[in-house]
């Protein structure tokens, strides 16, 4: 057998795995995103964003957010749509993680960060939130995924529009969405938790 044919047999490649034909062991092929965030527990992140109870629109938006496909200035610059990658509000590089801390929107994201901390017992990093690598108790997974999606989607939509957004407006919209999609026999517990969080954290003191 030629050297080239033997090398081809050494590693068999599928769409998602590399398999060693001698040992039979398969290793997952990591995406560029996974390689960029080696501190993320990816099985947990993939599971959390696909949790049952999220709407199709939320899952579609989360796919864009978690795969860094939303139109931040950094991405638009990278694909040649903008000349600069700076934030339109503060001048820092406009990445997903920057949006979580931008002076223009940090007061809107801070309630979510406090909610996550109350669920997990400690603050979460920007990278973990950007990848949705969150680990709340099982009973809080759906309400946390739901409210995280609603808050972050509202923040991103606000940043690319001229609409006014404050805690009261975002809280009311979040509760309205929860009532529409979660107020059922199967998910009503999640609706109750979302409403409790909005009432507890979406207050003026949460933004200071």
N, C-alpha and C. Protein backbone atom coordinates (compact mmCIF):
# COMPACT_ATOMS: atom_id res chain seq x y z
N UNK A 1 0.85 -1.19 0.00
CA UNK A 1 0.00 0.00 0.00
C UNK A 1 0.89 1.24 0.00
N UNK A 2 0.53 2.22 -0.83
CA UNK A 2 1.34 3.43 -0.92
C UNK A 2 1.23 4.23 0.37
N UNK A 3 2.24 5.09 0.61
CA UNK A 3 2.24 5.93 1.82
C UNK A 3 1.02 6.83 1.85
N UNK A 4 0.64 7.40 0.68
CA UNK A 4 -0.50 8.32 0.63
C UNK A 4 -1.80 7.61 1.00
N UNK A 5 -2.01 6.39 0.47
CA UNK A 5 -3.22 5.65 0.80
C UNK A 5 -3.24 5.29 2.29
N UNK A 6 -2.08 4.91 2.82
CA UNK A 6 -2.01 4.57 4.23
C UNK A 6 -2.34 5.77 5.11
N UNK A 7 -1.83 6.96 4.74
CA UNK A 7 -2.13 8.16 5.52
C UNK A 7 -3.61 8.49 5.47
N UNK A 8 -4.25 8.24 4.29
CA UNK A 8 -5.69 8.51 4.19
C UNK A 8 -6.46 7.61 5.13
N UNK A 9 -5.99 6.39 5.32
CA UNK A 9 -6.70 5.44 6.18
C UNK A 9 -6.48 5.73 7.65
N UNK A 10 -5.37 6.42 7.97
CA UNK A 10 -5.06 6.66 9.37
C UNK A 10 -6.17 7.45 10.06
N UNK A 11 -6.78 8.38 9.33
CA UNK A 11 -7.84 9.19 9.92
C UNK A 11 -9.01 9.26 8.98
N UNK A 12 -10.15 8.80 9.42
CA UNK A 12 -11.37 8.87 8.63
C UNK A 12 -12.20 10.04 9.14
N UNK A 13 -12.64 10.89 8.24
CA UNK A 13 -13.32 12.12 8.61
C UNK A 13 -14.79 12.08 8.20
N UNK A 14 -15.66 12.45 9.14
CA UNK A 14 -17.07 12.64 8.84
C UNK A 14 -17.38 14.13 8.96
N UNK A 15 -18.65 14.47 8.89
CA UNK A 15 -19.01 15.88 8.99
C UNK A 15 -18.68 16.45 10.35
N UNK A 16 -18.85 15.66 11.41
CA UNK A 16 -18.69 16.17 12.76
C UNK A 16 -17.57 15.52 13.56
N UNK A 17 -17.01 14.38 13.08
CA UNK A 17 -16.02 13.66 13.87
C UNK A 17 -14.84 13.21 13.02
N UNK A 18 -13.71 13.03 13.69
CA UNK A 18 -12.55 12.37 13.11
C UNK A 18 -12.41 11.00 13.79
N UNK A 19 -12.27 9.94 12.98
CA UNK A 19 -12.20 8.59 13.54
C UNK A 19 -10.89 7.92 13.17
N UNK A 20 -10.21 7.43 14.18
CA UNK A 20 -9.00 6.66 13.97
C UNK A 20 -9.41 5.21 13.66
N UNK A 21 -9.17 4.73 12.42
CA UNK A 21 -9.63 3.38 12.06
C UNK A 21 -8.91 2.27 12.82
N UNK A 22 -7.74 2.55 13.39
CA UNK A 22 -7.01 1.52 14.12
C UNK A 22 -7.59 1.32 15.51
N UNK A 23 -7.86 2.42 16.21
CA UNK A 23 -8.40 2.32 17.57
C UNK A 23 -9.91 2.38 17.61
N UNK A 24 -10.52 2.94 16.54
CA UNK A 24 -11.97 3.10 16.52
C UNK A 24 -12.46 4.29 17.33
N UNK A 25 -11.53 5.06 17.88
CA UNK A 25 -11.91 6.22 18.70
C UNK A 25 -12.23 7.41 17.80
N UNK A 26 -13.35 8.08 18.11
CA UNK A 26 -13.76 9.26 17.35
C UNK A 26 -13.61 10.51 18.20
N UNK A 27 -13.10 11.56 17.60
CA UNK A 27 -12.98 12.85 18.26
C UNK A 27 -13.84 13.86 17.53
N UNK A 28 -14.54 14.69 18.30
CA UNK A 28 -15.40 15.72 17.73
C UNK A 28 -14.56 16.78 17.03
N UNK A 29 -14.98 17.19 15.83
CA UNK A 29 -14.31 18.27 15.12
C UNK A 29 -14.83 19.59 15.68
N UNK A 30 -13.96 20.38 16.24
CA UNK A 30 -14.37 21.64 16.84
C UNK A 30 -14.53 22.72 15.77
N UNK A 31 -15.58 23.53 15.93
CA UNK A 31 -15.79 24.65 15.02
C UNK A 31 -14.82 25.78 15.40
N UNK A 32 -14.72 26.79 14.51
CA UNK A 32 -13.87 27.94 14.81
C UNK A 32 -14.35 28.65 16.07
N UNK A 33 -15.67 28.71 16.25
CA UNK A 33 -16.21 29.35 17.44
C UNK A 33 -15.78 28.60 18.70
N UNK A 34 -15.86 27.27 18.67
CA UNK A 34 -15.47 26.48 19.83
C UNK A 34 -13.98 26.63 20.11
N UNK A 35 -13.17 26.73 19.07
CA UNK A 35 -11.73 26.91 19.26
C UNK A 35 -11.42 28.27 19.86
N UNK A 36 -12.27 29.27 19.57
CA UNK A 36 -12.03 30.62 20.07
C UNK A 36 -12.36 30.75 21.55
N UNK A 37 -13.25 29.89 22.06
CA UNK A 37 -13.67 29.96 23.45
C UNK A 37 -13.42 28.61 24.11
N UNK A 38 -12.17 28.36 24.47
CA UNK A 38 -11.86 27.06 25.06
C UNK A 38 -12.23 26.98 26.54
N UNK A 39 -12.77 28.08 27.10
CA UNK A 39 -13.21 28.06 28.49
C UNK A 39 -14.70 27.75 28.61
N UNK A 40 -15.35 27.47 27.49
CA UNK A 40 -16.78 27.21 27.47
C UNK A 40 -17.06 25.71 27.51
N UNK A 41 -18.05 25.31 28.30
CA UNK A 41 -18.51 23.92 28.30
C UNK A 41 -19.53 23.79 27.19
N UNK A 42 -19.08 23.40 26.01
CA UNK A 42 -19.92 23.48 24.81
C UNK A 42 -21.14 22.57 24.84
N UNK A 43 -21.06 21.33 25.33
CA UNK A 43 -22.30 20.53 25.39
C UNK A 43 -23.39 21.23 26.20
N UNK A 44 -23.00 21.87 27.29
CA UNK A 44 -23.97 22.60 28.10
C UNK A 44 -24.53 23.80 27.34
N UNK A 45 -23.65 24.53 26.63
CA UNK A 45 -24.09 25.70 25.87
C UNK A 45 -25.04 25.30 24.76
N UNK A 46 -24.73 24.22 24.02
CA UNK A 46 -25.61 23.78 22.93
C UNK A 46 -26.96 23.34 23.48
N UNK A 47 -26.96 22.64 24.62
CA UNK A 47 -28.22 22.18 25.21
C UNK A 47 -29.06 23.36 25.70
N UNK A 48 -28.42 24.31 26.35
CA UNK A 48 -29.17 25.39 27.00
C UNK A 48 -29.93 26.23 25.98
N UNK A 49 -29.32 26.49 24.84
CA UNK A 49 -29.98 27.35 23.86
C UNK A 49 -31.05 26.62 23.04
N UNK A 50 -31.13 25.29 23.19
CA UNK A 50 -32.16 24.52 22.47
C UNK A 50 -33.24 24.00 23.40
N UNK A 51 -33.30 24.52 24.60
CA UNK A 51 -34.21 24.00 25.59
C UNK A 51 -35.65 24.10 25.14
N UNK A 52 -36.45 23.09 25.42
CA UNK A 52 -37.85 23.06 25.00
C UNK A 52 -38.62 24.16 25.72
N UNK A 53 -39.44 24.89 24.96
CA UNK A 53 -40.23 25.98 25.51
C UNK A 53 -39.87 27.32 24.90
N UNK A 54 -38.67 27.43 24.34
CA UNK A 54 -38.30 28.64 23.62
C UNK A 54 -39.06 28.68 22.29
N UNK A 55 -39.37 29.86 21.81
CA UNK A 55 -40.10 29.99 20.56
C UNK A 55 -39.15 29.80 19.39
N UNK A 56 -39.65 29.47 18.20
CA UNK A 56 -38.78 29.38 17.02
C UNK A 56 -38.01 30.67 16.75
N UNK A 57 -38.67 31.82 16.94
CA UNK A 57 -37.98 33.10 16.73
C UNK A 57 -36.83 33.27 17.73
N UNK A 58 -37.05 32.88 18.96
CA UNK A 58 -35.99 32.99 19.96
C UNK A 58 -34.81 32.08 19.61
N UNK A 59 -35.12 30.85 19.19
CA UNK A 59 -34.05 29.93 18.82
C UNK A 59 -33.27 30.43 17.61
N UNK A 60 -33.96 31.02 16.65
CA UNK A 60 -33.28 31.58 15.48
C UNK A 60 -32.39 32.74 15.88
N UNK A 61 -32.91 33.60 16.76
CA UNK A 61 -32.11 34.75 17.20
C UNK A 61 -30.91 34.29 18.00
N UNK A 62 -31.10 33.29 18.87
CA UNK A 62 -29.99 32.78 19.67
C UNK A 62 -28.91 32.16 18.79
N UNK A 63 -29.31 31.53 17.70
CA UNK A 63 -28.31 30.98 16.78
C UNK A 63 -27.43 32.10 16.24
N UNK A 64 -28.05 33.21 15.83
CA UNK A 64 -27.29 34.35 15.31
C UNK A 64 -26.40 34.95 16.40
N UNK A 65 -26.97 35.12 17.59
CA UNK A 65 -26.22 35.74 18.69
C UNK A 65 -25.03 34.88 19.10
N UNK A 66 -25.28 33.62 19.35
CA UNK A 66 -24.23 32.74 19.87
C UNK A 66 -23.16 32.42 18.83
N UNK A 67 -23.49 32.53 17.56
CA UNK A 67 -22.50 32.28 16.51
C UNK A 67 -21.92 33.57 15.95
N UNK A 68 -22.13 34.67 16.67
CA UNK A 68 -21.53 35.96 16.33
C UNK A 68 -21.92 36.42 14.92
N UNK A 69 -23.20 36.26 14.58
CA UNK A 69 -23.68 36.62 13.25
C UNK A 69 -24.57 37.88 13.27
N UNK A 70 -24.75 38.48 14.44
CA UNK A 70 -25.53 39.70 14.51
C UNK A 70 -24.72 40.88 13.97
N UNK A 71 -25.39 41.91 13.48
CA UNK A 71 -24.67 43.02 12.82
C UNK A 71 -24.02 43.99 13.79
N UNK A 72 -23.06 43.51 14.60
CA UNK A 72 -22.24 44.43 15.37
C UNK A 72 -21.29 45.13 14.40
N UNK A 73 -20.77 46.27 14.80
CA UNK A 73 -19.85 46.99 13.91
C UNK A 73 -18.57 46.19 13.66
N UNK A 74 -18.17 45.39 14.64
CA UNK A 74 -16.98 44.56 14.46
C UNK A 74 -17.19 43.56 13.34
N UNK A 75 -18.37 42.93 13.31
CA UNK A 75 -18.65 41.94 12.26
C UNK A 75 -18.84 42.63 10.92
N UNK A 76 -19.55 43.75 10.90
CA UNK A 76 -19.78 44.47 9.64
C UNK A 76 -18.45 44.94 9.05
N UNK A 77 -17.53 45.33 9.90
CA UNK A 77 -16.19 45.71 9.43
C UNK A 77 -15.44 44.50 8.89
N UNK A 78 -15.59 43.37 9.57
CA UNK A 78 -14.89 42.16 9.17
C UNK A 78 -15.34 41.65 7.81
N UNK A 79 -16.62 41.85 7.47
CA UNK A 79 -17.13 41.38 6.18
C UNK A 79 -17.16 42.49 5.12
N UNK A 80 -16.55 43.63 5.45
CA UNK A 80 -16.39 44.69 4.47
C UNK A 80 -17.56 45.63 4.31
N UNK A 81 -18.49 45.63 5.27
CA UNK A 81 -19.66 46.50 5.18
C UNK A 81 -19.45 47.85 5.85
N UNK A 82 -18.48 47.92 6.76
CA UNK A 82 -18.15 49.18 7.43
C UNK A 82 -16.64 49.38 7.41
N UNK A 83 -16.21 50.63 7.43
CA UNK A 83 -14.78 50.91 7.43
C UNK A 83 -14.18 50.79 8.82
N UNK A 84 -14.98 50.99 9.86
CA UNK A 84 -14.47 50.94 11.23
C UNK A 84 -15.25 49.92 12.03
N UNK A 85 -14.61 49.40 13.09
CA UNK A 85 -15.26 48.39 13.93
C UNK A 85 -15.64 48.95 15.30
N UNK A 86 -15.60 50.28 15.43
CA UNK A 86 -15.86 50.91 16.71
C UNK A 86 -17.35 51.03 17.01
N UNK A 87 -17.68 50.99 18.30
CA UNK A 87 -19.04 51.18 18.75
C UNK A 87 -19.53 52.57 18.38
N UNK A 88 -20.75 52.67 17.92
CA UNK A 88 -21.31 53.97 17.50
C UNK A 88 -21.62 54.87 18.69
N UNK A 89 -21.59 54.31 19.91
CA UNK A 89 -21.95 55.08 21.09
C UNK A 89 -20.75 55.49 21.93
N UNK A 90 -19.75 54.61 22.04
CA UNK A 90 -18.64 54.92 22.96
C UNK A 90 -17.25 54.81 22.34
N UNK A 91 -17.14 54.26 21.13
CA UNK A 91 -15.84 54.21 20.46
C UNK A 91 -15.04 52.95 20.69
N UNK A 92 -15.45 52.09 21.63
CA UNK A 92 -14.75 50.82 21.82
C UNK A 92 -15.09 49.86 20.68
N UNK A 93 -14.29 48.79 20.53
CA UNK A 93 -14.58 47.81 19.49
C UNK A 93 -15.93 47.17 19.78
N UNK A 94 -16.80 47.15 18.79
CA UNK A 94 -18.21 46.78 18.98
C UNK A 94 -18.43 45.29 18.77
N UNK A 95 -18.13 44.49 19.79
CA UNK A 95 -18.34 43.04 19.76
C UNK A 95 -19.59 42.69 20.56
N UNK A 96 -19.97 41.40 20.54
CA UNK A 96 -21.08 40.95 21.38
C UNK A 96 -20.80 41.24 22.84
N UNK A 97 -19.59 40.90 23.29
CA UNK A 97 -19.25 41.11 24.68
C UNK A 97 -19.26 42.59 25.05
N UNK A 98 -18.85 43.44 24.11
CA UNK A 98 -18.87 44.87 24.41
C UNK A 98 -20.28 45.37 24.65
N UNK A 99 -21.25 44.84 23.90
CA UNK A 99 -22.64 45.27 24.06
C UNK A 99 -23.12 45.05 25.49
N UNK A 100 -22.60 44.02 26.15
CA UNK A 100 -23.02 43.72 27.51
C UNK A 100 -22.52 44.76 28.51
N UNK A 101 -21.49 45.51 28.13
CA UNK A 101 -20.88 46.48 29.04
C UNK A 101 -20.83 47.90 28.50
N UNK A 102 -21.37 48.12 27.32
CA UNK A 102 -21.34 49.46 26.72
C UNK A 102 -22.09 50.45 27.62
N UNK A 103 -21.55 51.64 27.85
CA UNK A 103 -22.24 52.63 28.69
C UNK A 103 -23.65 52.94 28.19
N UNK A 104 -23.90 52.72 26.91
CA UNK A 104 -25.21 53.00 26.35
C UNK A 104 -26.26 51.96 26.73
N UNK A 105 -25.82 50.74 27.05
CA UNK A 105 -26.78 49.66 27.29
C UNK A 105 -26.53 48.86 28.56
N UNK A 106 -25.49 49.17 29.30
CA UNK A 106 -25.16 48.35 30.47
C UNK A 106 -26.29 48.36 31.50
N UNK A 107 -27.03 49.49 31.60
CA UNK A 107 -28.13 49.56 32.57
C UNK A 107 -29.26 48.61 32.20
N UNK A 108 -29.35 48.23 30.92
CA UNK A 108 -30.38 47.30 30.47
C UNK A 108 -29.95 45.84 30.65
N UNK A 109 -28.64 45.62 30.61
CA UNK A 109 -28.11 44.25 30.74
C UNK A 109 -27.89 43.89 32.20
N UNK A 110 -27.64 44.87 33.05
CA UNK A 110 -27.32 44.60 34.45
C UNK A 110 -28.40 43.79 35.17
N UNK A 111 -29.69 44.07 34.96
CA UNK A 111 -30.70 43.21 35.61
C UNK A 111 -30.56 41.75 35.24
N UNK A 112 -30.25 41.46 33.98
CA UNK A 112 -30.07 40.07 33.56
C UNK A 112 -28.87 39.46 34.27
N UNK A 113 -27.78 40.21 34.37
CA UNK A 113 -26.60 39.69 35.05
C UNK A 113 -26.90 39.37 36.51
N UNK A 114 -27.76 40.19 37.14
CA UNK A 114 -28.13 39.94 38.53
C UNK A 114 -29.05 38.72 38.63
N UNK A 115 -29.92 38.55 37.66
CA UNK A 115 -30.78 37.37 37.65
C UNK A 115 -29.95 36.09 37.53
N UNK A 116 -28.98 36.11 36.62
CA UNK A 116 -28.11 34.94 36.44
C UNK A 116 -27.33 34.67 37.71
N UNK A 117 -26.82 35.72 38.34
CA UNK A 117 -26.07 35.54 39.58
C UNK A 117 -26.95 34.94 40.68
N UNK A 118 -28.21 35.37 40.74
CA UNK A 118 -29.12 34.81 41.75
C UNK A 118 -29.42 33.34 41.49
N UNK A 119 -29.37 32.93 40.21
CA UNK A 119 -29.63 31.53 39.86
C UNK A 119 -28.42 30.64 40.11
N UNK A 120 -27.24 31.17 39.78
CA UNK A 120 -26.03 30.34 39.80
C UNK A 120 -25.18 30.55 41.05
N UNK A 121 -25.47 31.60 41.80
CA UNK A 121 -24.72 31.84 43.03
C UNK A 121 -23.44 32.62 42.86
N UNK A 122 -23.11 32.99 41.62
CA UNK A 122 -21.91 33.77 41.35
C UNK A 122 -22.08 34.48 40.01
N UNK A 123 -21.34 35.56 39.80
CA UNK A 123 -21.45 36.29 38.51
C UNK A 123 -20.99 35.40 37.36
N UNK A 124 -21.54 35.67 36.18
CA UNK A 124 -21.12 34.95 34.98
C UNK A 124 -20.26 35.86 34.13
N UNK A 125 -19.33 35.29 33.40
CA UNK A 125 -18.45 36.09 32.57
C UNK A 125 -19.16 36.49 31.28
N UNK A 126 -18.62 37.51 30.61
CA UNK A 126 -19.19 37.96 29.34
C UNK A 126 -19.13 36.84 28.30
N UNK A 127 -18.03 36.07 28.29
CA UNK A 127 -17.90 34.98 27.32
C UNK A 127 -18.96 33.91 27.55
N UNK A 128 -19.22 33.57 28.80
CA UNK A 128 -20.22 32.55 29.09
C UNK A 128 -21.61 33.02 28.71
N UNK A 129 -21.91 34.29 28.94
CA UNK A 129 -23.22 34.81 28.54
C UNK A 129 -23.32 34.90 27.03
N UNK A 130 -22.23 35.31 26.37
CA UNK A 130 -22.25 35.42 24.91
C UNK A 130 -22.46 34.07 24.24
N UNK A 131 -22.01 33.00 24.88
CA UNK A 131 -22.17 31.65 24.33
C UNK A 131 -23.34 30.89 24.96
N UNK A 132 -24.03 31.53 25.92
CA UNK A 132 -25.14 30.90 26.64
C UNK A 132 -24.69 29.64 27.36
N UNK A 133 -23.48 29.69 27.92
CA UNK A 133 -23.00 28.59 28.75
C UNK A 133 -23.41 28.91 30.19
N UNK A 134 -24.68 28.65 30.52
CA UNK A 134 -25.24 28.96 31.82
C UNK A 134 -25.66 27.66 32.51
N UNK A 135 -25.56 27.65 33.85
CA UNK A 135 -25.83 26.41 34.58
C UNK A 135 -26.73 26.64 35.78
N UNK A 136 -27.96 27.10 35.55
CA UNK A 136 -28.90 27.26 36.66
C UNK A 136 -29.48 25.91 37.06
N UNK A 137 -30.18 25.83 38.20
CA UNK A 137 -30.92 24.61 38.53
C UNK A 137 -31.88 24.26 37.40
N UNK A 138 -32.19 22.99 37.25
CA UNK A 138 -33.00 22.54 36.12
C UNK A 138 -34.36 23.24 36.04
N UNK A 139 -34.95 23.55 37.20
CA UNK A 139 -36.27 24.19 37.19
C UNK A 139 -36.22 25.63 36.68
N UNK A 140 -35.02 26.21 36.64
CA UNK A 140 -34.89 27.61 36.22
C UNK A 140 -34.32 27.75 34.80
N UNK A 141 -34.04 26.64 34.15
CA UNK A 141 -33.41 26.72 32.83
C UNK A 141 -34.30 27.42 31.81
N UNK A 142 -35.55 27.01 31.70
CA UNK A 142 -36.43 27.62 30.70
C UNK A 142 -36.68 29.09 30.99
N UNK A 143 -37.10 29.48 32.21
CA UNK A 143 -37.31 30.91 32.43
C UNK A 143 -36.05 31.74 32.24
N UNK A 144 -34.88 31.20 32.61
CA UNK A 144 -33.65 31.96 32.42
C UNK A 144 -33.30 32.09 30.95
N UNK A 145 -33.47 31.01 30.18
CA UNK A 145 -33.22 31.08 28.73
C UNK A 145 -34.18 32.07 28.08
N UNK A 146 -35.44 32.02 28.48
CA UNK A 146 -36.47 32.88 27.90
C UNK A 146 -36.18 34.34 28.18
N UNK A 147 -35.94 34.69 29.44
CA UNK A 147 -35.73 36.10 29.79
C UNK A 147 -34.39 36.61 29.24
N UNK A 148 -33.39 35.75 29.19
CA UNK A 148 -32.10 36.15 28.62
C UNK A 148 -32.26 36.52 27.15
N UNK A 149 -33.00 35.67 26.43
CA UNK A 149 -33.22 35.92 25.01
C UNK A 149 -33.99 37.22 24.80
N UNK A 150 -35.06 37.43 25.56
CA UNK A 150 -35.88 38.63 25.39
C UNK A 150 -35.10 39.89 25.71
N UNK A 151 -34.32 39.88 26.78
CA UNK A 151 -33.55 41.07 27.16
C UNK A 151 -32.47 41.37 26.13
N UNK A 152 -31.67 40.37 25.79
CA UNK A 152 -30.55 40.62 24.87
C UNK A 152 -31.05 40.99 23.48
N UNK A 153 -32.14 40.37 23.03
CA UNK A 153 -32.69 40.72 21.72
C UNK A 153 -33.18 42.16 21.73
N UNK A 154 -33.83 42.58 22.81
CA UNK A 154 -34.30 43.96 22.91
C UNK A 154 -33.14 44.93 22.90
N UNK A 155 -32.06 44.58 23.59
CA UNK A 155 -30.88 45.46 23.63
C UNK A 155 -30.27 45.62 22.25
N UNK A 156 -30.12 44.51 21.52
CA UNK A 156 -29.52 44.60 20.18
C UNK A 156 -30.43 45.36 19.22
N UNK A 157 -31.73 45.13 19.30
CA UNK A 157 -32.64 45.87 18.43
C UNK A 157 -32.62 47.36 18.75
N UNK A 158 -32.50 47.69 20.02
CA UNK A 158 -32.42 49.09 20.43
C UNK A 158 -31.17 49.76 19.86
N UNK A 159 -30.06 49.05 19.87
CA UNK A 159 -28.79 49.63 19.42
C UNK A 159 -28.77 49.93 17.92
N UNK A 160 -29.56 49.20 17.14
CA UNK A 160 -29.55 49.45 15.70
C UNK A 160 -30.77 50.24 15.24
N UNK A 161 -31.53 50.75 16.19
CA UNK A 161 -32.70 51.56 15.84
C UNK A 161 -32.66 52.87 16.61
N UNK A 162 -33.62 53.72 16.34
CA UNK A 162 -33.71 55.01 17.04
C UNK A 162 -34.79 54.98 18.11
N UNK A 163 -35.28 53.79 18.43
CA UNK A 163 -36.34 53.67 19.42
C UNK A 163 -35.80 53.88 20.84
N UNK A 164 -36.65 54.40 21.71
CA UNK A 164 -36.29 54.59 23.10
C UNK A 164 -36.54 53.30 23.87
N UNK A 165 -35.59 52.91 24.71
CA UNK A 165 -35.74 51.70 25.51
C UNK A 165 -35.24 51.97 26.92
N UNK A 166 -36.06 51.70 27.91
CA UNK A 166 -35.64 51.79 29.30
C UNK A 166 -36.09 50.54 30.04
N UNK A 167 -35.76 50.47 31.32
CA UNK A 167 -36.07 49.26 32.07
C UNK A 167 -37.57 48.99 32.12
N UNK A 168 -38.36 50.03 32.30
CA UNK A 168 -39.81 49.82 32.38
C UNK A 168 -40.37 49.27 31.07
N UNK A 169 -39.93 49.85 29.96
CA UNK A 169 -40.40 49.40 28.65
C UNK A 169 -39.97 47.97 28.38
N UNK A 170 -38.70 47.67 28.67
CA UNK A 170 -38.19 46.32 28.40
C UNK A 170 -38.84 45.30 29.34
N UNK A 171 -39.07 45.69 30.59
CA UNK A 171 -39.72 44.78 31.53
C UNK A 171 -41.14 44.47 31.12
N UNK A 172 -41.87 45.49 30.69
CA UNK A 172 -43.25 45.27 30.26
C UNK A 172 -43.31 44.38 29.03
N UNK A 173 -42.40 44.59 28.08
CA UNK A 173 -42.36 43.77 26.87
C UNK A 173 -41.99 42.33 27.19
N UNK A 174 -41.10 42.14 28.14
CA UNK A 174 -40.69 40.80 28.53
C UNK A 174 -41.83 40.04 29.19
N UNK A 175 -42.56 40.71 30.07
CA UNK A 175 -43.71 40.05 30.71
C UNK A 175 -44.81 39.75 29.70
N UNK A 176 -45.02 40.65 28.75
CA UNK A 176 -46.04 40.41 27.73
C UNK A 176 -45.68 39.19 26.89
N UNK A 177 -44.41 39.09 26.48
CA UNK A 177 -43.97 37.93 25.70
C UNK A 177 -44.11 36.64 26.50
N UNK A 178 -43.80 36.71 27.78
CA UNK A 178 -43.89 35.53 28.63
C UNK A 178 -45.34 35.06 28.76
N UNK A 179 -46.26 35.99 28.90
CA UNK A 179 -47.67 35.63 29.00
C UNK A 179 -48.18 34.97 27.72
N UNK A 180 -47.70 35.47 26.57
CA UNK A 180 -48.15 34.92 25.30
C UNK A 180 -47.62 33.50 25.09
N UNK A 181 -46.34 33.28 25.39
CA UNK A 181 -45.71 32.01 25.01
C UNK A 181 -45.56 31.01 26.15
N UNK A 182 -45.61 31.47 27.40
CA UNK A 182 -45.37 30.55 28.51
C UNK A 182 -46.58 30.32 29.39
N UNK A 183 -47.65 31.12 29.20
CA UNK A 183 -48.81 30.96 30.07
C UNK A 183 -49.68 29.80 29.60
N UNK A 184 -49.18 28.61 29.84
CA UNK A 184 -49.91 27.39 29.51
C UNK A 184 -49.72 26.42 30.66
N UNK A 185 -50.49 25.34 30.63
CA UNK A 185 -50.41 24.37 31.72
C UNK A 185 -48.99 23.81 31.84
N UNK A 186 -48.33 23.63 30.70
CA UNK A 186 -47.01 23.01 30.71
C UNK A 186 -45.92 23.96 31.16
N UNK A 187 -46.02 25.25 30.79
CA UNK A 187 -44.93 26.20 31.05
C UNK A 187 -45.31 27.34 31.98
N UNK A 188 -46.48 27.27 32.61
CA UNK A 188 -46.92 28.40 33.42
C UNK A 188 -45.96 28.69 34.58
N UNK A 189 -45.30 27.64 35.09
CA UNK A 189 -44.32 27.86 36.15
C UNK A 189 -43.22 28.80 35.67
N UNK A 190 -42.80 28.65 34.41
CA UNK A 190 -41.75 29.51 33.86
C UNK A 190 -42.26 30.94 33.71
N UNK A 191 -43.51 31.08 33.29
CA UNK A 191 -44.11 32.42 33.19
C UNK A 191 -44.12 33.11 34.54
N UNK A 192 -44.47 32.39 35.59
CA UNK A 192 -44.51 32.96 36.94
C UNK A 192 -43.13 33.43 37.38
N UNK A 193 -42.10 32.65 37.06
CA UNK A 193 -40.74 33.01 37.45
C UNK A 193 -40.26 34.23 36.67
N UNK A 194 -40.56 34.28 35.37
CA UNK A 194 -40.17 35.44 34.57
C UNK A 194 -40.81 36.71 35.13
N UNK A 195 -42.10 36.64 35.46
CA UNK A 195 -42.78 37.81 36.03
C UNK A 195 -42.17 38.21 37.36
N UNK A 196 -41.84 37.23 38.19
CA UNK A 196 -41.20 37.51 39.47
C UNK A 196 -39.86 38.22 39.28
N UNK A 197 -39.06 37.73 38.34
CA UNK A 197 -37.76 38.35 38.08
C UNK A 197 -37.91 39.79 37.57
N UNK A 198 -38.84 40.00 36.66
CA UNK A 198 -39.05 41.35 36.14
C UNK A 198 -39.45 42.29 37.28
N UNK A 199 -40.38 41.86 38.11
CA UNK A 199 -40.84 42.70 39.21
C UNK A 199 -39.75 42.97 40.24
N UNK A 200 -38.84 42.00 40.39
CA UNK A 200 -37.79 42.11 41.42
C UNK A 200 -36.56 42.87 40.93
N UNK A 201 -36.19 42.70 39.66
CA UNK A 201 -34.92 43.24 39.17
C UNK A 201 -35.05 44.42 38.22
N UNK A 202 -36.21 44.58 37.58
CA UNK A 202 -36.37 45.68 36.64
C UNK A 202 -36.91 46.92 37.36
N UNK A 203 -36.12 47.39 38.30
CA UNK A 203 -36.46 48.57 39.06
C UNK A 203 -35.29 49.53 38.98
N UNK A 204 -35.51 50.84 39.24
CA UNK A 204 -34.45 51.83 39.09
C UNK A 204 -33.15 51.48 39.79
N UNK A 205 -33.24 50.88 41.00
CA UNK A 205 -32.02 50.57 41.73
C UNK A 205 -31.17 49.55 41.01
N UNK A 206 -31.75 48.71 40.11
CA UNK A 206 -31.00 47.68 39.39
C UNK A 206 -30.06 48.30 38.37
N UNK A 207 -30.29 49.55 37.98
CA UNK A 207 -29.47 50.16 36.94
C UNK A 207 -28.42 51.06 37.51
N UNK A 208 -28.27 51.09 38.82
CA UNK A 208 -27.26 51.95 39.44
C UNK A 208 -26.12 51.12 39.98
